Amino acid sequence: MGRFYAMHHRTGGTGATAAALPSFNPRVWCTVAVGGLLFALASYLVQANSLAAKGYQMQSLRDQLDQLRLETRDLESRALELQSFQNLERRVSSLQLVPANDVRYVNAAAGPVGYAPSGSAGN
């Protein structure tokens, strides 16, 4: 019982030790609150900056995609123009090509095929 009496006497009759109760120091709590607010503000600024940078990068990629789509459309139009019949006829005549009149197709499944020039058919 002596121990209880000593603890009761030191704490003023509350039964708890003085070391167990934290003392309320307004200066410490204000410092902790200001530090927490500064940390929250810094976190917000970092996230806002990151979001703005990603938004700028996304817009840049969208612009690049639009530019590539325009270029693809122009290239497809150019390819169709180069494959047009009028353009092919013009290119054939400029290369001095002549039409093939006597076309013979070979059936490779029928066996060996040879070609005999017209003058040596009887030899």
PDB file of N, CA and C in Angstrom:
ATOM      1  N   MET A   1       0.797  -1.170   0.000  1.00  0.00           N
ATOM      2  CA  MET A   1       0.000   0.000   0.000  1.00  0.00           C
ATOM      3  C   MET A   1       0.860   1.261   0.000  1.00  0.00           C
ATOM      4  N   GLY A   2       2.055   1.154   0.309  1.00  0.00           N
ATOM      5  CA  GLY A   2       2.935   2.307   0.341  1.00  0.00           C
ATOM      6  C   GLY A   2       3.181   2.870  -1.044  1.00  0.00           C
ATOM      7  N   ARG A   3       3.226   1.984  -2.011  1.00  0.00           N
ATOM      8  CA  ARG A   3       3.464   2.450  -3.370  1.00  0.00           C
ATOM      9  C   ARG A   3       2.281   3.266  -3.862  1.00  0.00           C
ATOM     10  N   PHE A   4       1.057   2.833  -3.597  1.00  0.00           N
ATOM     11  CA  PHE A   4      -0.120   3.575  -4.005  1.00  0.00           C
ATOM     12  C   PHE A   4      -0.166   4.938  -3.336  1.00  0.00           C
ATOM     13  N   TYR A   5       0.209   4.990  -2.108  1.00  0.00           N
ATOM     14  CA  TYR A   5       0.199   6.252  -1.386  1.00  0.00           C
ATOM     15  C   TYR A   5       1.197   7.226  -1.990  1.00  0.00           C
ATOM     16  N   ALA A   6       2.368   6.737  -2.385  1.00  0.00           N
ATOM     17  CA  ALA A   6       3.397   7.610  -2.961  1.00  0.00           C
ATOM     18  C   ALA A   6       2.944   8.128  -4.324  1.00  0.00           C
ATOM     19  N   MET A   7       2.327   7.307  -5.134  1.00  0.00           N
ATOM     20  CA  MET A   7       1.863   7.734  -6.457  1.00  0.00           C
ATOM     21  C   MET A   7       0.707   8.715  -6.314  1.00  0.00           C
ATOM     22  N   HIS A   8      -0.147   8.493  -5.358  1.00  0.00           N
ATOM     23  CA  HIS A   8      -1.270   9.369  -5.124  1.00  0.00           C
ATOM     24  C   HIS A   8      -0.791  10.728  -4.629  1.00  0.00           C
ATOM     25  N   HIS A   9       0.212  10.721  -3.866  1.00  0.00           N
ATOM     26  CA  HIS A   9       0.731  11.953  -3.318  1.00  0.00           C
ATOM     27  C   HIS A   9       1.459  12.778  -4.387  1.00  0.00           C
ATOM     28  N   ARG A  10       2.209  12.137  -5.306  1.00  0.00           N
ATOM     29  CA  ARG A  10       2.964  12.846  -6.342  1.00  0.00           C
ATOM     30  C   ARG A  10       2.052  13.465  -7.402  1.00  0.00           C
ATOM     31  N   THR A  11       0.945  12.827  -7.759  1.00  0.00           N
ATOM     32  CA  THR A  11       0.094  13.293  -8.856  1.00  0.00           C
ATOM     33  C   THR A  11      -1.043  14.178  -8.392  1.00  0.00           C
ATOM     34  N   GLY A  12      -1.128  14.438  -7.178  1.00  0.00           N
ATOM     35  CA  GLY A  12      -2.179  15.301  -6.678  1.00  0.00           C
ATOM     36  C   GLY A  12      -3.492  14.588  -6.515  1.00  0.00           C
ATOM     37  N   GLY A  13      -3.477  13.297  -6.359  1.00  0.00           N
ATOM     38  CA  GLY A  13      -4.684  12.550  -6.090  1.00  0.00           C
ATOM     39  C   GLY A  13      -5.367  11.988  -7.317  1.00  0.00           C
ATOM     40  N   THR A  14      -4.805  12.119  -8.528  1.00  0.00           N
ATOM     41  CA  THR A  14      -5.468  11.587  -9.724  1.00  0.00           C
ATOM     42  C   THR A  14      -5.155  10.126  -9.943  1.00  0.00           C
ATOM     43  N   GLY A  15      -4.132   9.638  -9.402  1.00  0.00           N
ATOM     44  CA  GLY A  15      -3.777   8.237  -9.563  1.00  0.00           C
ATOM     45  C   GLY A  15      -2.852   7.987 -10.738  1.00  0.00           C
ATOM     46  N   ALA A  16      -2.641   8.918 -11.640  1.00  0.00           N
ATOM     47  CA  ALA A  16      -1.739   8.748 -12.778  1.00  0.00           C
ATOM     48  C   ALA A  16      -0.436   9.463 -12.493  1.00  0.00           C
ATOM     49  N   THR A  17       0.609   8.993 -13.103  1.00  0.00           N
ATOM     50  CA  THR A  17       1.908   9.636 -12.900  1.00  0.00           C
ATOM     51  C   THR A  17       1.993  10.877 -13.768  1.00  0.00           C
ATOM     52  N   ALA A  18       2.819  11.784 -13.386  1.00  0.00           N
ATOM     53  CA  ALA A  18       2.991  13.034 -14.133  1.00  0.00           C
ATOM     54  C   ALA A  18       3.651  12.783 -15.471  1.00  0.00           C
ATOM     55  N   ALA A  19       4.472  11.764 -15.577  1.00  0.00           N
ATOM     56  CA  ALA A  19       5.161  11.464 -16.821  1.00  0.00           C
ATOM     57  C   ALA A  19       4.207  10.887 -17.857  1.00  0.00           C
ATOM     58  N   ALA A  20       3.106  10.285 -17.459  1.00  0.00           N
ATOM     59  CA  ALA A  20       2.173   9.658 -18.392  1.00  0.00           C
ATOM     60  C   ALA A  20       1.293  10.694 -19.093  1.00  0.00           C
ATOM     61  N   LEU A  21       1.064  11.831 -18.499  1.00  0.00           N
ATOM     62  CA  LEU A  21       0.219  12.859 -19.099  1.00  0.00           C
ATOM     63  C   LEU A  21       1.072  13.829 -19.906  1.00  0.00           C
ATOM     64  N   PRO A  22       0.754  14.018 -21.205  1.00  0.00           N
ATOM     65  CA  PRO A  22       1.517  15.001 -21.974  1.00  0.00           C
ATOM     66  C   PRO A  22       1.101  16.405 -21.567  1.00  0.00           C
ATOM     67  N   SER A  23       2.076  17.238 -21.517  1.00  0.00           N
ATOM     68  CA  SER A  23       1.757  18.622 -21.175  1.00  0.00           C
ATOM     69  C   SER A  23       1.315  19.346 -22.448  1.00  0.00           C
ATOM     70  N   PHE A  24       0.380  20.236 -22.341  1.00  0.00           N
ATOM     71  CA  PHE A  24      -0.136  20.995 -23.473  1.00  0.00           C
ATOM     72  C   PHE A  24       0.674  22.271 -23.592  1.00  0.00           C
ATOM     73  N   ASN A  25       1.533  22.302 -24.613  1.00  0.00           N
ATOM     74  CA  ASN A  25       2.343  23.486 -24.872  1.00  0.00           C
ATOM     75  C   ASN A  25       1.848  24.089 -26.186  1.00  0.00           C
ATOM     76  N   PRO A  26       1.199  25.237 -26.150  1.00  0.00           N
ATOM     77  CA  PRO A  26       0.625  25.823 -27.368  1.00  0.00           C
ATOM     78  C   PRO A  26       1.669  26.106 -28.442  1.00  0.00           C
ATOM     79  N   ARG A  27       2.852  26.425 -28.074  1.00  0.00           N
ATOM     80  CA  ARG A  27       3.890  26.748 -29.053  1.00  0.00           C
ATOM     81  C   ARG A  27       4.252  25.494 -29.870  1.00  0.00           C
ATOM     82  N   VAL A  28       4.355  24.360 -29.212  1.00  0.00           N
ATOM     83  CA  VAL A  28       4.684  23.116 -29.907  1.00  0.00           C
ATOM     84  C   VAL A  28       3.545  22.731 -30.845  1.00  0.00           C
ATOM     85  N   TRP A  29       2.312  22.813 -30.349  1.00  0.00           N
ATOM     86  CA  TRP A  29       1.167  22.441 -31.186  1.00  0.00           C
ATOM     87  C   TRP A  29       1.015  23.379 -32.384  1.00  0.00           C
ATOM     88  N   CYS A  30       1.281  24.646 -32.228  1.00  0.00           N
ATOM     89  CA  CYS A  30       1.229  25.591 -33.362  1.00  0.00           C
ATOM     90  C   CYS A  30       2.311  25.259 -34.386  1.00  0.00           C
ATOM     91  N   THR A  31       3.490  24.902 -33.894  1.00  0.00           N
ATOM     92  CA  THR A  31       4.591  24.544 -34.796  1.00  0.00           C
ATOM     93  C   THR A  31       4.236  23.288 -35.588  1.00  0.00           C
ATOM     94  N   VAL A  32       3.662  22.312 -34.917  1.00  0.00           N
ATOM     95  CA  VAL A  32       3.258  21.081 -35.596  1.00  0.00           C
ATOM     96  C   VAL A  32       2.149  21.380 -36.617  1.00  0.00           C
ATOM     97  N   ALA A  33       1.199  22.212 -36.263  1.00  0.00           N
ATOM     98  CA  ALA A  33       0.101  22.552 -37.175  1.00  0.00           C
ATOM     99  C   ALA A  33       0.619  23.301 -38.397  1.00  0.00           C
ATOM    100  N   VAL A  34       1.508  24.270 -38.193  1.00  0.00           N
ATOM    101  CA  VAL A  34       2.068  25.033 -39.308  1.00  0.00           C
ATOM    102  C   VAL A  34       2.903  24.112 -40.196  1.00  0.00           C
ATOM    103  N   GLY A  35       3.668  23.223 -39.591  1.00  0.00           N
ATOM    104  CA  GLY A  35       4.462  22.267 -40.375  1.00  0.00           C
ATOM    105  C   GLY A  35       3.569  21.359 -41.212  1.00  0.00           C
ATOM    106  N   GLY A  36       2.471  20.894 -40.624  1.00  0.00           N
ATOM    107  CA  GLY A  36       1.528  20.054 -41.368  1.00  0.00           C
ATOM    108  C   GLY A  36       0.893  20.807 -42.524  1.00  0.00           C
ATOM    109  N   LEU A  37       0.532  22.050 -42.291  1.00  0.00           N
ATOM    110  CA  LEU A  37      -0.047  22.858 -43.362  1.00  0.00           C
ATOM    111  C   LEU A  37       0.957  23.105 -44.483  1.00  0.00           C
ATOM    112  N   LEU A  38       2.206  23.371 -44.115  1.00  0.00           N
ATOM    113  CA  LEU A  38       3.239  23.583 -45.136  1.00  0.00           C
ATOM    114  C   LEU A  38       3.466  22.304 -45.949  1.00  0.00           C
ATOM    115  N   PHE A  39       3.457  21.169 -45.276  1.00  0.00           N
ATOM    116  CA  PHE A  39       3.617  19.899 -45.986  1.00  0.00           C
ATOM    117  C   PHE A  39       2.446  19.662 -46.938  1.00  0.00           C
ATOM    118  N   ALA A  40       1.230  19.935 -46.484  1.00  0.00           N
ATOM    119  CA  ALA A  40       0.048  19.768 -47.336  1.00  0.00           C
ATOM    120  C   ALA A  40       0.103  20.716 -48.533  1.00  0.00           C
ATOM    121  N   LEU A  41       0.528  21.948 -48.312  1.00  0.00           N
ATOM    122  CA  LEU A  41       0.645  22.918 -49.403  1.00  0.00           C
ATOM    123  C   LEU A  41       1.700  22.479 -50.411  1.00  0.00           C
ATOM    124  N   ALA A  42       2.837  22.019 -49.918  1.00  0.00           N
ATOM    125  CA  ALA A  42       3.897  21.559 -50.823  1.00  0.00           C
ATOM    126  C   ALA A  42       3.420  20.352 -51.627  1.00  0.00           C
ATOM    127  N   SER A  43       2.721  19.429 -50.992  1.00  0.00           N
ATOM    128  CA  SER A  43       2.192  18.257 -51.706  1.00  0.00           C
ATOM    129  C   SER A  43       1.206  18.689 -52.782  1.00  0.00           C
ATOM    130  N   TYR A  44       0.342  19.635 -52.466  1.00  0.00           N
ATOM    131  CA  TYR A  44      -0.628  20.134 -53.435  1.00  0.00           C
ATOM    132  C   TYR A  44       0.080  20.778 -54.632  1.00  0.00           C
ATOM    133  N   LEU A  45       1.096  21.581 -54.371  1.00  0.00           N
ATOM    134  CA  LEU A  45       1.820  22.257 -55.453  1.00  0.00           C
ATOM    135  C   LEU A  45       2.528  21.248 -56.348  1.00  0.00           C
ATOM    136  N   VAL A  46       3.111  20.223 -55.764  1.00  0.00           N
ATOM    137  CA  VAL A  46       3.798  19.207 -56.566  1.00  0.00           C
ATOM    138  C   VAL A  46       2.796  18.476 -57.450  1.00  0.00           C
ATOM    139  N   GLN A  47       1.649  18.114 -56.900  1.00  0.00           N
ATOM    140  CA  GLN A  47       0.640  17.406 -57.686  1.00  0.00           C
ATOM    141  C   GLN A  47       0.047  18.296 -58.773  1.00  0.00           C
ATOM    142  N   ALA A  48      -0.188  19.556 -58.469  1.00  0.00           N
ATOM    143  CA  ALA A  48      -0.741  20.480 -59.471  1.00  0.00           C
ATOM    144  C   ALA A  48       0.254  20.691 -60.611  1.00  0.00           C
ATOM    145  N   ASN A  49       1.527  20.819 -60.275  1.00  0.00           N
ATOM    146  CA  ASN A  49       2.556  20.993 -61.290  1.00  0.00           C
ATOM    147  C   ASN A  49       2.663  19.746 -62.163  1.00  0.00           C
ATOM    148  N   SER A  50       2.610  18.576 -61.552  1.00  0.00           N
ATOM    149  CA  SER A  50       2.675  17.329 -62.305  1.00  0.00           C
ATOM    150  C   SER A  50       1.480  17.200 -63.242  1.00  0.00           C
ATOM    151  N   LEU A  51       0.300  17.544 -62.759  1.00  0.00           N
ATOM    152  CA  LEU A  51      -0.913  17.470 -63.575  1.00  0.00           C
ATOM    153  C   LEU A  51      -0.835  18.441 -64.761  1.00  0.00           C
ATOM    154  N   ALA A  52      -0.337  19.632 -64.526  1.00  0.00           N
ATOM    155  CA  ALA A  52      -0.208  20.613 -65.610  1.00  0.00           C
ATOM    156  C   ALA A  52       0.796  20.132 -66.658  1.00  0.00           C
ATOM    157  N   ALA A  53       1.893  19.550 -66.217  1.00  0.00           N
ATOM    158  CA  ALA A  53       2.905  19.051 -67.155  1.00  0.00           C
ATOM    159  C   ALA A  53       2.332  17.912 -67.992  1.00  0.00           C
ATOM    160  N   LYS A  54       1.574  17.020 -67.372  1.00  0.00           N
ATOM    161  CA  LYS A  54       0.979  15.908 -68.111  1.00  0.00           C
ATOM    162  C   LYS A  54      -0.081  16.419 -69.094  1.00  0.00           C
ATOM    163  N   GLY A  55      -0.826  17.429 -68.708  1.00  0.00           N
ATOM    164  CA  GLY A  55      -1.808  18.013 -69.611  1.00  0.00           C
ATOM    165  C   GLY A  55      -1.149  18.637 -70.832  1.00  0.00           C
ATOM    166  N   TYR A  56      -0.039  19.347 -70.613  1.00  0.00           N
ATOM    167  CA  TYR A  56       0.697  19.941 -71.724  1.00  0.00           C
ATOM    168  C   TYR A  56       1.243  18.854 -72.643  1.00  0.00           C
ATOM    169  N   GLN A  57       1.787  17.791 -72.062  1.00  0.00           N
ATOM    170  CA  GLN A  57       2.333  16.693 -72.859  1.00  0.00           C
ATOM    171  C   GLN A  57       1.222  16.008 -73.657  1.00  0.00           C
ATOM    172  N   MET A  58       0.066  15.838 -73.046  1.00  0.00           N
ATOM    173  CA  MET A  58      -1.053  15.216 -73.740  1.00  0.00           C
ATOM    174  C   MET A  58      -1.512  16.068 -74.921  1.00  0.00           C
ATOM    175  N   GLN A  59      -1.597  17.371 -74.729  1.00  0.00           N
ATOM    176  CA  GLN A  59      -2.007  18.257 -75.818  1.00  0.00           C
ATOM    177  C   GLN A  59      -0.978  18.229 -76.947  1.00  0.00           C
ATOM    178  N   SER A  60       0.291  18.172 -76.594  1.00  0.00           N
ATOM    179  CA  SER A  60       1.340  18.095 -77.601  1.00  0.00           C
ATOM    180  C   SER A  60       1.214  16.804 -78.412  1.00  0.00           C
ATOM    181  N   LEU A  61       0.929  15.695 -77.746  1.00  0.00           N
ATOM    182  CA  LEU A  61       0.757  14.423 -78.448  1.00  0.00           C
ATOM    183  C   LEU A  61      -0.496  14.430 -79.318  1.00  0.00           C
ATOM    184  N   ARG A  62      -1.554  15.082 -78.870  1.00  0.00           N
ATOM    185  CA  ARG A  62      -2.764  15.197 -79.693  1.00  0.00           C
ATOM    186  C   ARG A  62      -2.488  16.001 -80.956  1.00  0.00           C
ATOM    187  N   ASP A  63      -1.742  17.101 -80.809  1.00  0.00           N
ATOM    188  CA  ASP A  63      -1.388  17.909 -81.978  1.00  0.00           C
ATOM    189  C   ASP A  63      -0.547  17.097 -82.963  1.00  0.00           C
ATOM    190  N   GLN A  64       0.389  16.310 -82.423  1.00  0.00           N
ATOM    191  CA  GLN A  64       1.232  15.475 -83.270  1.00  0.00           C
ATOM    192  C   GLN A  64       0.386  14.417 -83.988  1.00  0.00           C
ATOM    193  N   LEU A  65      -0.580  13.840 -83.286  1.00  0.00           N
ATOM    194  CA  LEU A  65      -1.472  12.847 -83.893  1.00  0.00           C
ATOM    195  C   LEU A  65      -2.292  13.473 -85.020  1.00  0.00           C
ATOM    196  N   ASP A  66      -2.812  14.667 -84.796  1.00  0.00           N
ATOM    197  CA  ASP A  66      -3.578  15.355 -85.849  1.00  0.00           C
ATOM    198  C   ASP A  66      -2.701  15.624 -87.067  1.00  0.00           C
ATOM    199  N   GLN A  67      -1.461  16.043 -86.832  1.00  0.00           N
ATOM    200  CA  GLN A  67      -0.531  16.313 -87.936  1.00  0.00           C
ATOM    201  C   GLN A  67      -0.242  15.029 -88.716  1.00  0.00           C
ATOM    202  N   LEU A  68      -0.049  13.920 -88.010  1.00  0.00           N
ATOM    203  CA  LEU A  68       0.217  12.649 -88.688  1.00  0.00           C
ATOM    204  C   LEU A  68      -1.003  12.162 -89.467  1.00  0.00           C
ATOM    205  N   ARG A  69      -2.199  12.409 -88.951  1.00  0.00           N
ATOM    206  CA  ARG A  69      -3.409  12.030 -89.682  1.00  0.00           C
ATOM    207  C   ARG A  69      -3.535  12.824 -90.978  1.00  0.00           C
ATOM    208  N   LEU A  70      -3.227  14.119 -90.910  1.00  0.00           N
ATOM    209  CA  LEU A  70      -3.260  14.937 -92.132  1.00  0.00           C
ATOM    210  C   LEU A  70      -2.232  14.445 -93.149  1.00  0.00           C
ATOM    211  N   GLU A  71      -1.045  14.125 -92.660  1.00  0.00           N
ATOM    212  CA  GLU A  71       0.010  13.646 -93.549  1.00  0.00           C
ATOM    213  C   GLU A  71      -0.385  12.298 -94.177  1.00  0.00           C
ATOM    214  N   THR A  72      -1.013  11.425 -93.389  1.00  0.00           N
ATOM    215  CA  THR A  72      -1.462  10.134 -93.917  1.00  0.00           C
ATOM    216  C   THR A  72      -2.507  10.331 -95.001  1.00  0.00           C
ATOM    217  N   ARG A  73      -3.443  11.236 -94.746  1.00  0.00           N
ATOM    218  CA  ARG A  73      -4.479  11.502 -95.744  1.00  0.00           C
ATOM    219  C   ARG A  73      -3.869  12.050 -97.037  1.00  0.00           C
ATOM    220  N   ASP A  74      -2.890  12.947 -96.913  1.00  0.00           N
ATOM    221  CA  ASP A  74      -2.231  13.496 -98.100  1.00  0.00           C
ATOM    222  C   ASP A  74      -1.473  12.409 -98.863  1.00  0.00           C
ATOM    223  N   LEU A  75      -0.798  11.520 -98.126  1.00  0.00           N
ATOM    224  CA  LEU A  75      -0.048  10.454 -98.788  1.00  0.00           C
ATOM    225  C   LEU A  75      -0.977   9.448 -99.473  1.00  0.00           C
ATOM    226  N   GLU A  76      -2.107   9.145 -98.853  1.00  0.00           N
ATOM    227  CA  GLU A  76      -3.067   8.247 -99.487  1.00  0.00           C
ATOM    228  C   GLU A  76      -3.637   8.877-100.753  1.00  0.00           C
ATOM    229  N   SER A  77      -3.901  10.164-100.707  1.00  0.00           N
ATOM    230  CA  SER A  77      -4.399  10.871-101.893  1.00  0.00           C
ATOM    231  C   SER A  77      -3.354  10.849-103.001  1.00  0.00           C
ATOM    232  N   ARG A  78      -2.118  11.056-102.641  1.00  0.00           N
ATOM    233  CA  ARG A  78      -1.016  11.039-103.624  1.00  0.00           C
ATOM    234  C   ARG A  78      -0.856   9.639-104.227  1.00  0.00           C
ATOM    235  N   ALA A  79      -0.992   8.595-103.397  1.00  0.00           N
ATOM    236  CA  ALA A  79      -0.876   7.221-103.897  1.00  0.00           C
ATOM    237  C   ALA A  79      -1.999   6.916-104.884  1.00  0.00           C
ATOM    238  N   LEU A  80      -3.223   7.340-104.564  1.00  0.00           N
ATOM    239  CA  LEU A  80      -4.329   7.129-105.495  1.00  0.00           C
ATOM    240  C   LEU A  80      -4.109   7.879-106.805  1.00  0.00           C
ATOM    241  N   GLU A  81      -3.555   9.061-106.704  1.00  0.00           N
ATOM    242  CA  GLU A  81      -3.280   9.859-107.909  1.00  0.00           C
ATOM    243  C   GLU A  81      -2.244   9.160-108.784  1.00  0.00           C
ATOM    244  N   LEU A  82      -1.209   8.609-108.150  1.00  0.00           N
ATOM    245  CA  LEU A  82      -0.168   7.940-108.927  1.00  0.00           C
ATOM    246  C   LEU A  82      -0.654   6.632-109.529  1.00  0.00           C
ATOM    247  N   GLN A  83      -1.669   6.021-108.953  1.00  0.00           N
ATOM    248  CA  GLN A  83      -2.191   4.763-109.467  1.00  0.00           C
ATOM    249  C   GLN A  83      -3.340   4.967-110.470  1.00  0.00           C
ATOM    250  N   SER A  84      -3.695   6.186-110.728  1.00  0.00           N
ATOM    251  CA  SER A  84      -4.817   6.434-111.643  1.00  0.00           C
ATOM    252  C   SER A  84      -4.476   5.978-113.061  1.00  0.00           C
ATOM    253  N   PHE A  85      -5.505   5.627-113.806  1.00  0.00           N
ATOM    254  CA  PHE A  85      -5.315   5.088-115.152  1.00  0.00           C
ATOM    255  C   PHE A  85      -4.647   6.110-116.083  1.00  0.00           C
ATOM    256  N   GLN A  86      -5.068   7.375-116.004  1.00  0.00           N
ATOM    257  CA  GLN A  86      -4.479   8.399-116.867  1.00  0.00           C
ATOM    258  C   GLN A  86      -2.988   8.568-116.576  1.00  0.00           C
ATOM    259  N   ASN A  87      -2.652   8.542-115.345  1.00  0.00           N
ATOM    260  CA  ASN A  87      -1.246   8.703-114.970  1.00  0.00           C
ATOM    261  C   ASN A  87      -0.432   7.498-115.439  1.00  0.00           C
ATOM    262  N   LEU A  88      -1.005   6.294-115.316  1.00  0.00           N
ATOM    263  CA  LEU A  88      -0.286   5.105-115.773  1.00  0.00           C
ATOM    264  C   LEU A  88      -0.085   5.133-117.295  1.00  0.00           C
ATOM    265  N   GLU A  89      -1.112   5.536-118.035  1.00  0.00           N
ATOM    266  CA  GLU A  89      -0.962   5.648-119.498  1.00  0.00           C
ATOM    267  C   GLU A  89       0.125   6.641-119.874  1.00  0.00           C
ATOM    268  N   ARG A  90       0.164   7.771-119.183  1.00  0.00           N
ATOM    269  CA  ARG A  90       1.182   8.790-119.453  1.00  0.00           C
ATOM    270  C   ARG A  90       2.578   8.251-119.157  1.00  0.00           C
ATOM    271  N   ARG A  91       2.703   7.514-118.065  1.00  0.00           N
ATOM    272  CA  ARG A  91       4.020   6.968-117.714  1.00  0.00           C
ATOM    273  C   ARG A  91       4.450   5.874-118.687  1.00  0.00           C
ATOM    274  N   VAL A  92       3.492   5.056-119.164  1.00  0.00           N
ATOM    275  CA  VAL A  92       3.805   4.004-120.133  1.00  0.00           C
ATOM    276  C   VAL A  92       4.318   4.624-121.425  1.00  0.00           C
ATOM    277  N   SER A  93       3.673   5.675-121.881  1.00  0.00           N
ATOM    278  CA  SER A  93       4.115   6.303-123.132  1.00  0.00           C
ATOM    279  C   SER A  93       5.452   7.016-122.949  1.00  0.00           C
ATOM    280  N   SER A  94       5.715   7.562-121.794  1.00  0.00           N
ATOM    281  CA  SER A  94       7.001   8.235-121.588  1.00  0.00           C
ATOM    282  C   SER A  94       8.150   7.238-121.493  1.00  0.00           C
ATOM    283  N   LEU A  95       7.884   6.011-121.083  1.00  0.00           N
ATOM    284  CA  LEU A  95       8.919   4.973-121.015  1.00  0.00           C
ATOM    285  C   LEU A  95       9.048   4.207-122.335  1.00  0.00           C
ATOM    286  N   GLN A  96       8.230   4.569-123.327  1.00  0.00           N
ATOM    287  CA  GLN A  96       8.223   3.960-124.655  1.00  0.00           C
ATOM    288  C   GLN A  96       7.952   2.455-124.572  1.00  0.00           C
ATOM    289  N   LEU A  97       6.983   2.084-123.765  1.00  0.00           N
ATOM    290  CA  LEU A  97       6.572   0.700-123.653  1.00  0.00           C
ATOM    291  C   LEU A  97       5.504   0.435-124.699  1.00  0.00           C
ATOM    292  N   VAL A  98       5.431  -0.804-125.189  1.00  0.00           N
ATOM    293  CA  VAL A  98       4.424  -1.175-126.186  1.00  0.00           C
ATOM    294  C   VAL A  98       3.541  -2.249-125.571  1.00  0.00           C
ATOM    295  N   PRO A  99       2.299  -2.347-126.028  1.00  0.00           N
ATOM    296  CA  PRO A  99       1.407  -3.381-125.479  1.00  0.00           C
ATOM    297  C   PRO A  99       1.813  -4.773-125.965  1.00  0.00           C
ATOM    298  N   ALA A 100       1.601  -5.750-125.109  1.00  0.00           N
ATOM    299  CA  ALA A 100       1.894  -7.142-125.478  1.00  0.00           C
ATOM    300  C   ALA A 100       0.688  -7.684-126.223  1.00  0.00           C
ATOM    301  N   ASN A 101       0.911  -8.148-127.495  1.00  0.00           N
ATOM    302  CA  ASN A 101      -0.191  -8.633-128.318  1.00  0.00           C
ATOM    303  C   ASN A 101      -0.368 -10.141-128.209  1.00  0.00           C
ATOM    304  N   ASP A 102       0.713 -10.887-128.335  1.00  0.00           N
ATOM    305  CA  ASP A 102       0.629 -12.340-128.362  1.00  0.00           C
ATOM    306  C   ASP A 102       1.050 -12.886-126.999  1.00  0.00           C
ATOM    307  N   VAL A 103       0.080 -12.999-126.093  1.00  0.00           N
ATOM    308  CA  VAL A 103       0.369 -13.458-124.738  1.00  0.00           C
ATOM    309  C   VAL A 103       0.014 -14.929-124.642  1.00  0.00           C
ATOM    310  N   ARG A 104       0.956 -15.721-124.147  1.00  0.00           N
ATOM    311  CA  ARG A 104       0.729 -17.155-123.961  1.00  0.00           C
ATOM    312  C   ARG A 104       1.009 -17.489-122.498  1.00  0.00           C
ATOM    313  N   TYR A 105       0.080 -18.187-121.942  1.00  0.00           N
ATOM    314  CA  TYR A 105       0.226 -18.587-120.548  1.00  0.00           C
ATOM    315  C   TYR A 105       0.698 -20.024-120.486  1.00  0.00           C
ATOM    316  N   VAL A 106       1.549 -20.328-119.515  1.00  0.00           N
ATOM    317  CA  VAL A 106       2.128 -21.647-119.380  1.00  0.00           C
ATOM    318  C   VAL A 106       1.522 -22.318-118.168  1.00  0.00           C
ATOM    319  N   ASN A 107       1.121 -23.569-118.342  1.00  0.00           N
ATOM    320  CA  ASN A 107       0.609 -24.355-117.238  1.00  0.00           C
ATOM    321  C   ASN A 107       1.786 -25.147-116.663  1.00  0.00           C
ATOM    322  N   ALA A 108       2.288 -24.747-115.529  1.00  0.00           N
ATOM    323  CA  ALA A 108       3.464 -25.390-114.951  1.00  0.00           C
ATOM    324  C   ALA A 108       3.148 -26.773-114.429  1.00  0.00           C
ATOM    325  N   ALA A 109       1.906 -27.077-114.152  1.00  0.00           N
ATOM    326  CA  ALA A 109       1.535 -28.389-113.632  1.00  0.00           C
ATOM    327  C   ALA A 109       1.516 -29.439-114.740  1.00  0.00           C
ATOM    328  N   ALA A 110       1.525 -29.033-115.988  1.00  0.00           N
ATOM    329  CA  ALA A 110       1.441 -29.970-117.107  1.00  0.00           C
ATOM    330  C   ALA A 110       2.773 -30.660-117.383  1.00  0.00           C
ATOM    331  N   GLY A 111       3.839 -30.241-116.827  1.00  0.00           N
ATOM    332  CA  GLY A 111       5.141 -30.867-117.063  1.00  0.00           C
ATOM    333  C   GLY A 111       6.141 -29.862-117.597  1.00  0.00           C
ATOM    334  N   PRO A 112       7.272 -30.359-118.073  1.00  0.00           N
ATOM    335  CA  PRO A 112       8.315 -29.452-118.568  1.00  0.00           C
ATOM    336  C   PRO A 112       7.831 -28.687-119.796  1.00  0.00           C
ATOM    337  N   VAL A 113       8.284 -27.457-119.845  1.00  0.00           N
ATOM    338  CA  VAL A 113       7.873 -26.578-120.937  1.00  0.00           C
ATOM    339  C   VAL A 113       9.137 -26.009-121.568  1.00  0.00           C
ATOM    340  N   GLY A 114       9.173 -26.003-122.870  1.00  0.00           N
ATOM    341  CA  GLY A 114      10.316 -25.417-123.582  1.00  0.00           C
ATOM    342  C   GLY A 114       9.813 -24.441-124.616  1.00  0.00           C
ATOM    343  N   TYR A 115      10.693 -23.636-125.108  1.00  0.00           N
ATOM    344  CA  TYR A 115      10.315 -22.650-126.094  1.00  0.00           C
ATOM    345  C   TYR A 115      11.188 -22.871-127.312  1.00  0.00           C
ATOM    346  N   ALA A 116      10.554 -23.032-128.443  1.00  0.00           N
ATOM    347  CA  ALA A 116      11.297 -23.200-129.690  1.00  0.00           C
ATOM    348  C   ALA A 116      11.153 -21.940-130.516  1.00  0.00           C
ATOM    349  N   PRO A 117      12.240 -21.321-130.892  1.00  0.00           N
ATOM    350  CA  PRO A 117      12.141 -20.139-131.749  1.00  0.00           C
ATOM    351  C   PRO A 117      11.441 -20.510-133.062  1.00  0.00           C
ATOM    352  N   SER A 118      10.830 -19.547-133.672  1.00  0.00           N
ATOM    353  CA  SER A 118      10.019 -19.797-134.850  1.00  0.00           C
ATOM    354  C   SER A 118      10.824 -20.366-136.012  1.00  0.00           C
ATOM    355  N   GLY A 119      12.091 -20.082-136.155  1.00  0.00           N
ATOM    356  CA  GLY A 119      12.910 -20.589-137.265  1.00  0.00           C
ATOM    357  C   GLY A 119      13.457 -21.972-137.023  1.00  0.00           C
ATOM    358  N   SER A 120      13.499 -22.476-135.793  1.00  0.00           N
ATOM    359  CA  SER A 120      14.123 -23.769-135.519  1.00  0.00           C
ATOM    360  C   SER A 120      13.111 -24.814-135.080  1.00  0.00           C
ATOM    361  N   ALA A 121      11.880 -24.683-135.432  1.00  0.00           N
ATOM    362  CA  ALA A 121      10.842 -25.613-135.012  1.00  0.00           C
ATOM    363  C   ALA A 121      11.032 -26.986-135.626  1.00  0.00           C
ATOM    364  N   GLY A 122      11.567 -27.084-136.838  1.00  0.00           N
ATOM    365  CA  GLY A 122      11.729 -28.380-137.486  1.00  0.00           C
ATOM    366  C   GLY A 122      13.013 -29.069-137.115  1.00  0.00           C
ATOM    367  N   ASN A 123      13.948 -28.460-136.473  1.00  0.00           N
ATOM    368  CA  ASN A 123      15.253 -29.050-136.180  1.00  0.00           C
ATOM    369  C   ASN A 123      15.232 -29.929-135.008  1.00  0.00           C
TER     370      ASN A 123
END
